[in-house]
Amino acid sequence: MRLLLGVFLSLVPISSSFGQLNPLSILGRVVTTSMDARSKAEVSADTEIGAGASKRLLDDKQAEWAGVTVLVFAQHVVLAGAVKSDAVKQRVEAIVKQDKKIRSLKNELRVGDVGSLARDTALEAEINASLTAAKGVSSVNMRWSATGGQVVLMGIAQSQQEANTAMAKVRGIKGVKTLKSHLRVVPKKN
């Protein structure tokens, strides 16, 4: 469930918590699309990578993937969340990296029980609000996951200052214990 939710949230703009159309969501999608650093082909590849990872994990009876979030941006993948053992951590990585479209894969899965899904979801929502409101941060180009107060941040910043601002905003949120950043600095294409 968390894997599917993580992939869904990283790929699809949600207009409201109950799926009802929010009149401002269309405008939000247009703005979000215009601010996205990825090409249409990269967005399509990211969607395929995320969906393929979800399908392979769902089909694998040994993976025990329930606490896994697959973050995908510009064909770079970060595995976040928690699993029961080192063997499951390695198995999940092996299953996800079968996709040849993946440019890089970082495995930030933690081993063991690390907390509450409700707290993690609330923390992720707070990160979303903070990064979305932060001046000079294009949060549409970033993905994040929280597990027991341990936050993983990935994606693209268009400058080192943007990356530093995003990391500072996340670190300043109550409940964030540590931050592991996989932000890549990629200057904006003209």
Protein backbone atom coordinates (compact mmCIF):
# COMPACT_ATOMS: atom_id res chain seq x y z
CA MET A 1 0.00 0.00 0.00
CA ARG A 2 2.71 2.50 0.98
CA LEU A 3 4.68 1.62 -2.18
CA LEU A 4 1.69 2.28 -4.39
CA LEU A 5 0.84 5.45 -2.53
CA GLY A 6 4.44 6.68 -2.78
CA VAL A 7 4.62 6.02 -6.51
CA PHE A 8 1.17 7.54 -7.04
CA LEU A 9 1.98 10.65 -5.04
CA SER A 10 5.30 11.11 -6.79
CA LEU A 11 3.75 10.91 -10.25
CA VAL A 12 0.19 12.22 -10.14
CA PRO A 13 -1.02 15.61 -8.91
CA ILE A 14 -3.89 15.02 -6.50
CA SER A 15 -6.67 17.60 -6.59
CA SER A 16 -8.24 16.75 -3.24
CA SER A 17 -8.17 14.08 -0.59
CA PHE A 18 -11.39 12.50 -1.83
CA GLY A 19 -10.76 12.72 -5.56
CA GLN A 20 -13.31 15.49 -6.17
CA LEU A 21 -12.20 18.04 -8.74
CA ASN A 22 -10.87 21.20 -7.17
CA PRO A 23 -11.46 24.17 -9.53
CA LEU A 24 -7.93 25.42 -8.85
CA SER A 25 -6.34 22.05 -9.57
CA ILE A 26 -6.39 22.55 -13.35
CA LEU A 27 -4.48 25.81 -13.00
CA GLY A 28 -2.14 24.11 -10.51
CA ARG A 29 -1.39 21.33 -13.01
CA VAL A 30 -0.61 23.84 -15.78
CA VAL A 31 1.76 25.77 -13.51
CA THR A 32 3.30 22.55 -12.20
CA THR A 33 3.86 21.20 -15.72
CA SER A 34 5.48 24.43 -16.88
CA MET A 35 7.83 24.41 -13.88
CA ASP A 36 8.82 20.74 -14.23
CA ALA A 37 12.47 20.43 -15.27
CA ARG A 38 11.78 17.16 -17.08
CA SER A 39 10.84 16.70 -20.71
CA LYS A 40 7.62 14.89 -21.61
CA ALA A 41 9.73 11.83 -22.49
CA GLU A 42 11.36 11.90 -19.03
CA VAL A 43 7.97 12.24 -17.32
CA SER A 44 6.75 9.26 -19.34
CA ALA A 45 9.87 7.25 -18.49
CA ASP A 46 9.48 8.10 -14.79
CA THR A 47 5.85 6.94 -14.89
CA GLU A 48 6.89 3.69 -16.55
CA ILE A 49 9.72 3.13 -14.05
CA GLY A 50 7.43 3.70 -11.05
CA ALA A 51 4.60 1.57 -12.42
CA GLY A 52 6.98 -1.21 -13.44
CA ALA A 53 8.63 -1.23 -10.00
CA SER A 54 5.22 -1.42 -8.34
CA LYS A 55 4.10 -4.29 -10.55
CA ARG A 56 7.28 -6.31 -10.06
CA LEU A 57 7.16 -5.84 -6.29
CA LEU A 58 3.48 -6.76 -6.16
CA ASP A 59 4.15 -9.87 -8.25
CA ASP A 60 7.08 -10.96 -6.04
CA LYS A 61 5.82 -12.99 -3.10
CA GLN A 62 9.13 -12.75 -1.18
CA ALA A 63 9.75 -9.01 -1.31
CA GLU A 64 7.73 -7.93 1.75
CA TRP A 65 7.56 -4.46 0.28
CA ALA A 66 4.82 -2.96 2.48
CA GLY A 67 7.02 -0.19 3.94
CA VAL A 68 8.74 0.77 0.68
CA THR A 69 8.42 4.05 -1.20
CA VAL A 70 9.90 4.27 -4.70
CA LEU A 71 10.86 7.87 -5.49
CA VAL A 72 11.50 8.54 -9.19
CA PHE A 73 12.67 11.72 -10.90
CA ALA A 74 14.42 12.06 -14.26
CA GLN A 75 15.00 8.29 -14.32
CA HIS A 76 16.90 8.40 -11.01
CA VAL A 77 15.40 6.24 -8.27
CA VAL A 78 15.67 6.35 -4.49
CA LEU A 79 14.20 3.58 -2.35
CA ALA A 80 12.93 4.93 0.96
CA GLY A 81 10.98 3.55 3.89
CA ALA A 82 11.50 0.51 6.05
CA VAL A 83 11.68 -3.24 5.60
CA LYS A 84 11.97 -6.17 8.02
CA SER A 85 15.49 -7.40 7.20
CA ASP A 86 18.66 -6.80 5.21
CA ALA A 87 17.67 -9.66 2.92
CA VAL A 88 14.36 -7.95 2.09
CA LYS A 89 16.21 -4.64 1.54
CA GLN A 90 18.49 -6.30 -1.00
CA ARG A 91 15.61 -8.20 -2.64
CA VAL A 92 13.58 -5.01 -3.12
CA GLU A 93 16.61 -3.28 -4.68
CA ALA A 94 17.22 -6.20 -7.06
CA ILE A 95 13.58 -6.22 -8.16
CA VAL A 96 13.40 -2.48 -8.75
CA LYS A 97 16.69 -2.17 -10.61
CA GLN A 98 15.65 -4.69 -13.26
CA ASP A 99 14.38 -1.71 -15.29
CA LYS A 100 17.07 -0.69 -17.79
CA LYS A 101 15.66 2.85 -18.03
CA ILE A 102 16.91 3.61 -14.49
CA ARG A 103 19.97 5.89 -14.61
CA SER A 104 20.87 5.49 -10.93
CA LEU A 105 19.41 3.80 -7.88
CA LYS A 106 20.09 4.66 -4.23
CA ASN A 107 18.83 2.31 -1.54
CA GLU A 108 17.93 4.28 1.60
CA LEU A 109 15.64 1.57 3.02
CA ARG A 110 15.93 1.23 6.77
CA VAL A 111 15.75 -2.14 8.46
CA GLY A 112 13.32 -2.61 11.35
CA ASP A 113 10.11 -1.12 12.67
CA VAL A 114 10.54 2.64 12.61
CA GLY A 115 7.28 4.18 13.61
CA SER A 116 3.85 5.25 12.57
CA LEU A 117 2.48 5.56 9.05
CA ALA A 118 0.16 8.32 10.26
CA ARG A 119 3.06 10.38 11.69
CA ASP A 120 5.12 9.81 8.54
CA THR A 121 2.23 10.87 6.31
CA ALA A 122 1.67 14.00 8.39
CA LEU A 123 5.38 14.83 8.25
CA GLU A 124 5.41 14.36 4.47
CA ALA A 125 2.42 16.72 4.20
CA GLU A 126 4.25 19.30 6.28
CA ILE A 127 7.35 18.95 4.08
CA ASN A 128 5.13 19.42 1.03
CA ALA A 129 3.61 22.59 2.47
CA SER A 130 6.98 24.00 3.50
CA LEU A 131 8.74 23.32 0.20
CA THR A 132 5.77 24.46 -1.88
CA ALA A 133 5.65 27.77 0.00
CA ALA A 134 9.43 28.30 0.07
CA LYS A 135 10.60 31.17 -2.09
CA GLY A 136 13.25 30.05 -4.56
CA VAL A 137 12.38 26.33 -4.31
CA SER A 138 10.77 24.53 -7.24
CA SER A 139 9.32 21.66 -5.23
CA VAL A 140 7.71 20.16 -8.34
CA ASN A 141 11.21 18.90 -9.20
CA MET A 142 11.68 17.19 -5.83
CA ARG A 143 10.39 14.03 -4.16
CA TRP A 144 10.55 13.10 -0.46
CA SER A 145 9.67 10.37 1.96
CA ALA A 146 9.60 10.26 5.75
CA THR A 147 10.08 7.12 7.83
CA GLY A 148 10.20 7.48 11.60
CA GLY A 149 11.44 11.07 11.30
CA GLN A 150 14.17 10.08 8.84
CA VAL A 151 13.60 12.07 5.64
CA VAL A 152 14.92 11.24 2.18
CA LEU A 153 14.89 14.07 -0.37
CA MET A 154 15.65 13.60 -4.06
CA GLY A 155 15.21 15.27 -7.41
CA ILE A 156 16.66 18.34 -9.05
CA ALA A 157 17.59 21.77 -7.74
CA GLN A 158 18.48 24.37 -10.33
CA SER A 159 21.24 25.83 -8.12
CA GLN A 160 23.17 24.94 -4.99
CA GLN A 161 21.32 27.75 -3.23
CA GLU A 162 17.97 26.16 -4.11
CA ALA A 163 19.22 22.80 -2.80
CA ASN A 164 20.49 24.41 0.40
CA THR A 165 17.19 26.28 0.90
CA ALA A 166 15.15 23.11 0.40
CA MET A 167 17.32 21.14 2.84
CA ALA A 168 17.15 23.94 5.43
CA LYS A 169 13.35 24.09 5.14
CA VAL A 170 13.07 20.32 5.67
CA ARG A 171 15.53 20.29 8.59
CA GLY A 172 13.54 23.10 10.24
CA ILE A 173 10.35 21.05 10.44
CA LYS A 174 9.47 19.64 13.86
CA GLY A 175 9.69 15.86 13.77
CA VAL A 176 12.52 15.66 11.23
CA LYS A 177 15.33 13.75 12.94
CA THR A 178 17.69 13.36 9.99
CA LEU A 179 17.76 14.31 6.33
CA LYS A 180 19.44 12.31 3.58
CA SER A 181 19.57 14.43 0.43
CA HIS A 182 19.93 13.04 -3.08
CA LEU A 183 19.24 16.37 -4.76
CA ARG A 184 21.22 16.87 -7.95
CA VAL A 185 22.06 20.41 -9.03
CA VAL A 186 21.09 20.78 -12.69
CA PRO A 187 20.99 24.37 -13.97
CA LYS A 188 17.79 25.37 -15.77
CA LYS A 189 17.84 24.82 -19.52
CA ASN A 190 17.27 28.00 -21.50
